[in-house]
């Protein structure tokens, strides 16, 4: 999947998480985890595509940090492969 598509999924999951959190929905943490996983996967794909942080993630520090984690993780794996 394309890094931008994953970033869009991360951002949509983050929006759902925010709504669920405000509503007191028990699924809030699950949605947050989904957003974090999508952001990490976006970071991995961005490394492979040689692209930067997608706009969808830039203004949410938590998602930008997860993207960075995925990017660095794949960078480290490729370095030692």
PDB file of N, CA and C in Angstrom:
ATOM      1  N   UNK A   1       0.851  -1.182   0.000  1.00  0.00           N
ATOM      2  CA  UNK A   1       0.000   0.000   0.000  1.00  0.00           C
ATOM      3  C   UNK A   1       0.896   1.243   0.000  1.00  0.00           C
ATOM      4  N   UNK A   2       0.447   2.289  -0.585  1.00  0.00           N
ATOM      5  CA  UNK A   2       1.168   3.554  -0.696  1.00  0.00           C
ATOM      6  C   UNK A   2       1.253   4.253   0.671  1.00  0.00           C
ATOM      7  N   UNK A   3       2.375   4.913   0.927  1.00  0.00           N
ATOM      8  CA  UNK A   3       2.553   5.598   2.212  1.00  0.00           C
ATOM      9  C   UNK A   3       1.473   6.648   2.453  1.00  0.00           C
ATOM     10  N   UNK A   4       1.024   7.305   1.400  1.00  0.00           N
ATOM     11  CA  UNK A   4      -0.020   8.336   1.566  1.00  0.00           C
ATOM     12  C   UNK A   4      -1.368   7.721   1.923  1.00  0.00           C
ATOM     13  N   UNK A   5      -1.670   6.564   1.359  1.00  0.00           N
ATOM     14  CA  UNK A   5      -2.918   5.869   1.701  1.00  0.00           C
ATOM     15  C   UNK A   5      -2.902   5.439   3.163  1.00  0.00           C
ATOM     16  N   UNK A   6      -1.760   4.936   3.598  1.00  0.00           N
ATOM     17  CA  UNK A   6      -1.626   4.541   5.000  1.00  0.00           C
ATOM     18  C   UNK A   6      -1.736   5.755   5.915  1.00  0.00           C
ATOM     19  N   UNK A   7      -1.168   6.875   5.485  1.00  0.00           N
ATOM     20  CA  UNK A   7      -1.261   8.104   6.277  1.00  0.00           C
ATOM     21  C   UNK A   7      -2.712   8.571   6.378  1.00  0.00           C
ATOM     22  N   UNK A   8      -3.447   8.461   5.287  1.00  0.00           N
ATOM     23  CA  UNK A   8      -4.866   8.827   5.306  1.00  0.00           C
ATOM     24  C   UNK A   8      -5.640   7.918   6.262  1.00  0.00           C
ATOM     25  N   UNK A   9      -5.342   6.621   6.223  1.00  0.00           N
ATOM     26  CA  UNK A   9      -5.984   5.693   7.155  1.00  0.00           C
ATOM     27  C   UNK A   9      -5.635   6.038   8.599  1.00  0.00           C
ATOM     28  N   UNK A  10      -4.387   6.414   8.834  1.00  0.00           N
ATOM     29  CA  UNK A  10      -3.967   6.803  10.182  1.00  0.00           C
ATOM     30  C   UNK A  10      -4.733   8.027  10.651  1.00  0.00           C
ATOM     31  N   UNK A  11      -4.847   9.000   9.778  1.00  0.00           N
ATOM     32  CA  UNK A  11      -5.539  10.239  10.142  1.00  0.00           C
ATOM     33  C   UNK A  11      -7.026  10.004  10.382  1.00  0.00           C
ATOM     34  N   UNK A  12      -7.647   9.162   9.559  1.00  0.00           N
ATOM     35  CA  UNK A  12      -9.067   8.840   9.749  1.00  0.00           C
ATOM     36  C   UNK A  12      -9.272   8.094  11.065  1.00  0.00           C
ATOM     37  N   UNK A  13      -8.389   7.154  11.361  1.00  0.00           N
ATOM     38  CA  UNK A  13      -8.488   6.426  12.630  1.00  0.00           C
ATOM     39  C   UNK A  13      -8.276   7.360  13.808  1.00  0.00           C
ATOM     40  N   UNK A  14      -7.379   8.337  13.646  1.00  0.00           N
ATOM     41  CA  UNK A  14      -7.137   9.311  14.717  1.00  0.00           C
ATOM     42  C   UNK A  14      -8.381  10.167  14.954  1.00  0.00           C
ATOM     43  N   UNK A  15      -9.045  10.555  13.876  1.00  0.00           N
ATOM     44  CA  UNK A  15     -10.279  11.340  14.010  1.00  0.00           C
ATOM     45  C   UNK A  15     -11.352  10.522  14.728  1.00  0.00           C
ATOM     46  N   UNK A  16     -11.483   9.254  14.361  1.00  0.00           N
ATOM     47  CA  UNK A  16     -12.446   8.384  15.036  1.00  0.00           C
ATOM     48  C   UNK A  16     -12.075   8.192  16.503  1.00  0.00           C
ATOM     49  N   UNK A  17     -10.774   8.065  16.774  1.00  0.00           N
ATOM     50  CA  UNK A  17     -10.294   7.950  18.157  1.00  0.00           C
ATOM     51  C   UNK A  17     -10.685   9.183  18.963  1.00  0.00           C
ATOM     52  N   UNK A  18     -10.461  10.354  18.397  1.00  0.00           N
ATOM     53  CA  UNK A  18     -10.781  11.603  19.091  1.00  0.00           C
ATOM     54  C   UNK A  18     -12.273  11.679  19.410  1.00  0.00           C
ATOM     55  N   UNK A  19     -13.104  11.332  18.447  1.00  0.00           N
ATOM     56  CA  UNK A  19     -14.561  11.341  18.667  1.00  0.00           C
ATOM     57  C   UNK A  19     -14.953  10.325  19.736  1.00  0.00           C
ATOM     58  N   UNK A  20     -14.384   9.125  19.651  1.00  0.00           N
ATOM     59  CA  UNK A  20     -14.700   8.078  20.625  1.00  0.00           C
ATOM     60  C   UNK A  20     -14.247   8.473  22.026  1.00  0.00           C
ATOM     61  N   UNK A  21     -13.094   9.111  22.108  1.00  0.00           N
ATOM     62  CA  UNK A  21     -12.578   9.555  23.400  1.00  0.00           C
ATOM     63  C   UNK A  21     -13.510  10.587  24.028  1.00  0.00           C
ATOM     64  N   UNK A  22     -13.939  11.544  23.238  1.00  0.00           N
ATOM     65  CA  UNK A  22     -14.852  12.581  23.737  1.00  0.00           C
ATOM     66  C   UNK A  22     -16.209  12.004  24.138  1.00  0.00           C
ATOM     67  N   UNK A  23     -16.641  10.964  23.439  1.00  0.00           N
ATOM     68  CA  UNK A  23     -17.937  10.347  23.726  1.00  0.00           C
ATOM     69  C   UNK A  23     -17.866   9.301  24.838  1.00  0.00           C
ATOM     70  N   UNK A  24     -16.647   9.009  25.295  1.00  0.00           N
ATOM     71  CA  UNK A  24     -16.483   7.997  26.334  1.00  0.00           C
ATOM     72  C   UNK A  24     -16.639   6.572  25.823  1.00  0.00           C
ATOM     73  N   UNK A  25     -16.440   6.386  24.537  1.00  0.00           N
ATOM     74  CA  UNK A  25     -16.568   5.068  23.908  1.00  0.00           C
ATOM     75  C   UNK A  25     -15.400   4.176  24.332  1.00  0.00           C
ATOM     76  N   UNK A  26     -15.712   2.952  24.686  1.00  0.00           N
ATOM     77  CA  UNK A  26     -14.692   2.003  25.130  1.00  0.00           C
ATOM     78  C   UNK A  26     -13.713   1.628  24.015  1.00  0.00           C
ATOM     79  N   UNK A  27     -14.092   1.839  22.756  1.00  0.00           N
ATOM     80  CA  UNK A  27     -13.219   1.490  21.627  1.00  0.00           C
ATOM     81  C   UNK A  27     -12.152   2.540  21.345  1.00  0.00           C
ATOM     82  N   UNK A  28     -12.116   3.606  22.108  1.00  0.00           N
ATOM     83  CA  UNK A  28     -11.192   4.706  21.824  1.00  0.00           C
ATOM     84  C   UNK A  28      -9.742   4.232  21.737  1.00  0.00           C
ATOM     85  N   UNK A  29      -9.303   3.458  22.695  1.00  0.00           N
ATOM     86  CA  UNK A  29      -7.901   3.017  22.698  1.00  0.00           C
ATOM     87  C   UNK A  29      -7.588   2.108  21.512  1.00  0.00           C
ATOM     88  N   UNK A  30      -8.555   1.300  21.103  1.00  0.00           N
ATOM     89  CA  UNK A  30      -8.369   0.445  19.927  1.00  0.00           C
ATOM     90  C   UNK A  30      -8.182   1.292  18.668  1.00  0.00           C
ATOM     91  N   UNK A  31      -8.966   2.352  18.548  1.00  0.00           N
ATOM     92  CA  UNK A  31      -8.847   3.249  17.399  1.00  0.00           C
ATOM     93  C   UNK A  31      -7.520   4.001  17.415  1.00  0.00           C
ATOM     94  N   UNK A  32      -7.068   4.368  18.600  1.00  0.00           N
ATOM     95  CA  UNK A  32      -5.764   5.036  18.726  1.00  0.00           C
ATOM     96  C   UNK A  32      -4.649   4.093  18.269  1.00  0.00           C
ATOM     97  N   UNK A  33      -4.731   2.840  18.693  1.00  0.00           N
ATOM     98  CA  UNK A  33      -3.734   1.851  18.289  1.00  0.00           C
ATOM     99  C   UNK A  33      -3.752   1.647  16.774  1.00  0.00           C
ATOM    100  N   UNK A  34      -4.942   1.591  16.184  1.00  0.00           N
ATOM    101  CA  UNK A  34      -5.047   1.483  14.721  1.00  0.00           C
ATOM    102  C   UNK A  34      -4.325   2.647  14.046  1.00  0.00           C
ATOM    103  N   UNK A  35      -4.563   3.855  14.535  1.00  0.00           N
ATOM    104  CA  UNK A  35      -3.930   5.046  13.957  1.00  0.00           C
ATOM    105  C   UNK A  35      -2.413   4.961  14.071  1.00  0.00           C
ATOM    106  N   UNK A  36      -1.921   4.516  15.224  1.00  0.00           N
ATOM    107  CA  UNK A  36      -0.480   4.409  15.424  1.00  0.00           C
ATOM    108  C   UNK A  36       0.135   3.376  14.482  1.00  0.00           C
ATOM    109  N   UNK A  37      -0.535   2.258  14.313  1.00  0.00           N
ATOM    110  CA  UNK A  37      -0.020   1.209  13.425  1.00  0.00           C
ATOM    111  C   UNK A  37       0.006   1.694  11.975  1.00  0.00           C
ATOM    112  N   UNK A  38      -1.070   2.335  11.535  1.00  0.00           N
ATOM    113  CA  UNK A  38      -1.092   2.877  10.168  1.00  0.00           C
ATOM    114  C   UNK A  38       0.025   3.902   9.969  1.00  0.00           C
ATOM    115  N   UNK A  39       0.273   4.740  10.970  1.00  0.00           N
ATOM    116  CA  UNK A  39       1.326   5.754  10.860  1.00  0.00           C
ATOM    117  C   UNK A  39       2.702   5.093  10.765  1.00  0.00           C
ATOM    118  N   UNK A  40       2.937   4.047  11.564  1.00  0.00           N
ATOM    119  CA  UNK A  40       4.216   3.331  11.483  1.00  0.00           C
ATOM    120  C   UNK A  40       4.389   2.680  10.115  1.00  0.00           C
ATOM    121  N   UNK A  41       3.328   2.046   9.623  1.00  0.00           N
ATOM    122  CA  UNK A  41       3.398   1.415   8.299  1.00  0.00           C
ATOM    123  C   UNK A  41       3.639   2.458   7.210  1.00  0.00           C
ATOM    124  N   UNK A  42       3.080   3.638   7.382  1.00  0.00           N
ATOM    125  CA  UNK A  42       3.325   4.727   6.435  1.00  0.00           C
ATOM    126  C   UNK A  42       4.802   5.113   6.454  1.00  0.00           C
ATOM    127  N   UNK A  43       5.403   5.132   7.632  1.00  0.00           N
ATOM    128  CA  UNK A  43       6.827   5.432   7.743  1.00  0.00           C
ATOM    129  C   UNK A  43       7.689   4.406   7.029  1.00  0.00           C
ATOM    130  N   UNK A  44       7.330   3.147   7.174  1.00  0.00           N
ATOM    131  CA  UNK A  44       8.065   2.078   6.496  1.00  0.00           C
ATOM    132  C   UNK A  44       7.955   2.250   4.980  1.00  0.00           C
ATOM    133  N   UNK A  45       6.734   2.444   4.497  1.00  0.00           N
ATOM    134  CA  UNK A  45       6.545   2.612   3.054  1.00  0.00           C
ATOM    135  C   UNK A  45       7.207   3.887   2.540  1.00  0.00           C
ATOM    136  N   UNK A  46       7.211   4.932   3.347  1.00  0.00           N
ATOM    137  CA  UNK A  46       7.882   6.174   2.941  1.00  0.00           C
ATOM    138  C   UNK A  46       9.378   5.950   2.772  1.00  0.00           C
ATOM    139  N   UNK A  47       9.969   5.143   3.650  1.00  0.00           N
ATOM    140  CA  UNK A  47      11.389   4.831   3.514  1.00  0.00           C
ATOM    141  C   UNK A  47      11.632   4.104   2.196  1.00  0.00           C
ATOM    142  N   UNK A  48      10.796   3.115   1.907  1.00  0.00           N
ATOM    143  CA  UNK A  48      10.939   2.333   0.678  1.00  0.00           C
ATOM    144  C   UNK A  48      10.743   3.217  -0.553  1.00  0.00           C
ATOM    145  N   UNK A  49       9.766   4.131  -0.483  1.00  0.00           N
ATOM    146  CA  UNK A  49       9.459   5.032  -1.601  1.00  0.00           C
ATOM    147  C   UNK A  49      10.408   6.229  -1.676  1.00  0.00           C
ATOM    148  N   UNK A  50      11.233   6.396  -0.644  1.00  0.00           N
ATOM    149  CA  UNK A  50      12.125   7.557  -0.537  1.00  0.00           C
ATOM    150  C   UNK A  50      11.327   8.866  -0.533  1.00  0.00           C
ATOM    151  N   UNK A  51      10.271   8.881   0.262  1.00  0.00           N
ATOM    152  CA  UNK A  51       9.434  10.078   0.382  1.00  0.00           C
ATOM    153  C   UNK A  51       9.419  10.552   1.835  1.00  0.00           C
ATOM    154  N   UNK A  52       8.973  11.780   2.027  1.00  0.00           N
ATOM    155  CA  UNK A  52       8.967  12.376   3.353  1.00  0.00           C
ATOM    156  C   UNK A  52       7.664  12.159   4.104  1.00  0.00           C
ATOM    157  N   UNK A  53       7.592  12.806   5.250  1.00  0.00           N
ATOM    158  CA  UNK A  53       6.417  12.726   6.120  1.00  0.00           C
ATOM    159  C   UNK A  53       5.189  13.263   5.389  1.00  0.00           C
ATOM    160  N   UNK A  54       4.140  12.448   5.242  1.00  0.00           N
ATOM    161  CA  UNK A  54       2.931  12.910   4.552  1.00  0.00           C
ATOM    162  C   UNK A  54       2.241  14.054   5.303  1.00  0.00           C
ATOM    163  N   UNK A  55       1.614  14.925   4.549  1.00  0.00           N
ATOM    164  CA  UNK A  55       0.922  16.072   5.138  1.00  0.00           C
ATOM    165  C   UNK A  55      -0.140  15.655   6.145  1.00  0.00           C
ATOM    166  N   UNK A  56      -0.797  14.527   5.910  1.00  0.00           N
ATOM    167  CA  UNK A  56      -1.852  14.066   6.807  1.00  0.00           C
ATOM    168  C   UNK A  56      -1.365  13.853   8.239  1.00  0.00           C
ATOM    169  N   UNK A  57      -0.075  13.620   8.412  1.00  0.00           N
ATOM    170  CA  UNK A  57       0.451  13.284   9.734  1.00  0.00           C
ATOM    171  C   UNK A  57       1.206  14.428  10.400  1.00  0.00           C
ATOM    172  N   UNK A  58       1.541  15.451   9.664  1.00  0.00           N
ATOM    173  CA  UNK A  58       2.422  16.505  10.173  1.00  0.00           C
ATOM    174  C   UNK A  58       1.880  17.270  11.368  1.00  0.00           C
ATOM    175  N   UNK A  59       0.573  17.494  11.418  1.00  0.00           N
ATOM    176  CA  UNK A  59       0.047  18.329  12.500  1.00  0.00           C
ATOM    177  C   UNK A  59      -0.480  17.531  13.693  1.00  0.00           C
ATOM    178  N   UNK A  60      -0.216  16.226  13.717  1.00  0.00           N
ATOM    179  CA  UNK A  60      -0.551  15.395  14.878  1.00  0.00           C
ATOM    180  C   UNK A  60       0.773  14.814  15.389  1.00  0.00           C
ATOM    181  N   UNK A  61       1.359  15.428  16.415  1.00  0.00           N
ATOM    182  CA  UNK A  61       2.675  14.989  16.881  1.00  0.00           C
ATOM    183  C   UNK A  61       2.768  13.492  17.191  1.00  0.00           C
ATOM    184  N   UNK A  62       1.723  12.916  17.752  1.00  0.00           N
ATOM    185  CA  UNK A  62       1.758  11.485  18.081  1.00  0.00           C
ATOM    186  C   UNK A  62       1.877  10.631  16.819  1.00  0.00           C
ATOM    187  N   UNK A  63       1.181  11.012  15.767  1.00  0.00           N
ATOM    188  CA  UNK A  63       1.254  10.250  14.519  1.00  0.00           C
ATOM    189  C   UNK A  63       2.571  10.498  13.792  1.00  0.00           C
ATOM    190  N   UNK A  64       3.060  11.720  13.837  1.00  0.00           N
ATOM    191  CA  UNK A  64       4.359  12.025  13.227  1.00  0.00           C
ATOM    192  C   UNK A  64       5.462  11.219  13.910  1.00  0.00           C
ATOM    193  N   UNK A  65       5.371  11.073  15.225  1.00  0.00           N
ATOM    194  CA  UNK A  65       6.367  10.294  15.968  1.00  0.00           C
ATOM    195  C   UNK A  65       6.292   8.815  15.589  1.00  0.00           C
ATOM    196  N   UNK A  66       5.090   8.298  15.414  1.00  0.00           N
ATOM    197  CA  UNK A  66       4.937   6.897  15.000  1.00  0.00           C
ATOM    198  C   UNK A  66       5.467   6.690  13.583  1.00  0.00           C
ATOM    199  N   UNK A  67       5.211   7.650  12.690  1.00  0.00           N
ATOM    200  CA  UNK A  67       5.736   7.576  11.329  1.00  0.00           C
ATOM    201  C   UNK A  67       7.267   7.524  11.380  1.00  0.00           C
ATOM    202  N   UNK A  68       7.849   8.396  12.179  1.00  0.00           N
ATOM    203  CA  UNK A  68       9.301   8.459  12.318  1.00  0.00           C
ATOM    204  C   UNK A  68       9.851   7.135  12.852  1.00  0.00           C
ATOM    205  N   UNK A  69       9.145   6.554  13.803  1.00  0.00           N
ATOM    206  CA  UNK A  69       9.566   5.261  14.352  1.00  0.00           C
ATOM    207  C   UNK A  69       9.591   4.193  13.255  1.00  0.00           C
ATOM    208  N   UNK A  70       8.538   4.141  12.440  1.00  0.00           N
ATOM    209  CA  UNK A  70       8.489   3.171  11.342  1.00  0.00           C
ATOM    210  C   UNK A  70       9.597   3.397  10.327  1.00  0.00           C
ATOM    211  N   UNK A  71       9.839   4.667   9.990  1.00  0.00           N
ATOM    212  CA  UNK A  71      10.884   5.005   9.022  1.00  0.00           C
ATOM    213  C   UNK A  71      12.250   4.560   9.545  1.00  0.00           C
ATOM    214  N   UNK A  72      12.545   4.891  10.808  1.00  0.00           N
ATOM    215  CA  UNK A  72      13.842   4.524  11.396  1.00  0.00           C
ATOM    216  C   UNK A  72      13.979   3.019  11.570  1.00  0.00           C
ATOM    217  N   UNK A  73      12.895   2.351  11.935  1.00  0.00           N
ATOM    218  CA  UNK A  73      12.919   0.902  12.094  1.00  0.00           C
ATOM    219  C   UNK A  73      13.308   0.230  10.784  1.00  0.00           C
ATOM    220  N   UNK A  74      12.669   0.623   9.685  1.00  0.00           N
ATOM    221  CA  UNK A  74      12.985   0.018   8.385  1.00  0.00           C
ATOM    222  C   UNK A  74      14.390   0.399   7.934  1.00  0.00           C
ATOM    223  N   UNK A  75      14.811   1.608   8.250  1.00  0.00           N
ATOM    224  CA  UNK A  75      16.168   2.044   7.917  1.00  0.00           C
ATOM    225  C   UNK A  75      17.194   1.158   8.622  1.00  0.00           C
ATOM    226  N   UNK A  76      16.953   0.880   9.903  1.00  0.00           N
ATOM    227  CA  UNK A  76      17.866   0.027  10.670  1.00  0.00           C
ATOM    228  C   UNK A  76      17.875  -1.403  10.137  1.00  0.00           C
ATOM    229  N   UNK A  77      16.701  -1.915   9.799  1.00  0.00           N
ATOM    230  CA  UNK A  77      16.614  -3.279   9.267  1.00  0.00           C
ATOM    231  C   UNK A  77      17.384  -3.380   7.954  1.00  0.00           C
ATOM    232  N   UNK A  78      17.199  -2.412   7.076  1.00  0.00           N
ATOM    233  CA  UNK A  78      17.885  -2.423   5.782  1.00  0.00           C
ATOM    234  C   UNK A  78      19.401  -2.278   5.956  1.00  0.00           C
ATOM    235  N   UNK A  79      19.806  -1.524   6.966  1.00  0.00           N
ATOM    236  CA  UNK A  79      21.235  -1.313   7.208  1.00  0.00           C
ATOM    237  C   UNK A  79      21.926  -2.615   7.605  1.00  0.00           C
ATOM    238  N   UNK A  80      21.240  -3.457   8.371  1.00  0.00           N
ATOM    239  CA  UNK A  80      21.842  -4.692   8.867  1.00  0.00           C
ATOM    240  C   UNK A  80      21.512  -5.910   8.013  1.00  0.00           C
ATOM    241  N   UNK A  81      20.741  -5.712   6.956  1.00  0.00           N
ATOM    242  CA  UNK A  81      20.361  -6.855   6.100  1.00  0.00           C
ATOM    243  C   UNK A  81      21.461  -7.198   5.115  1.00  0.00           C
TER     244      UNK A  81
END
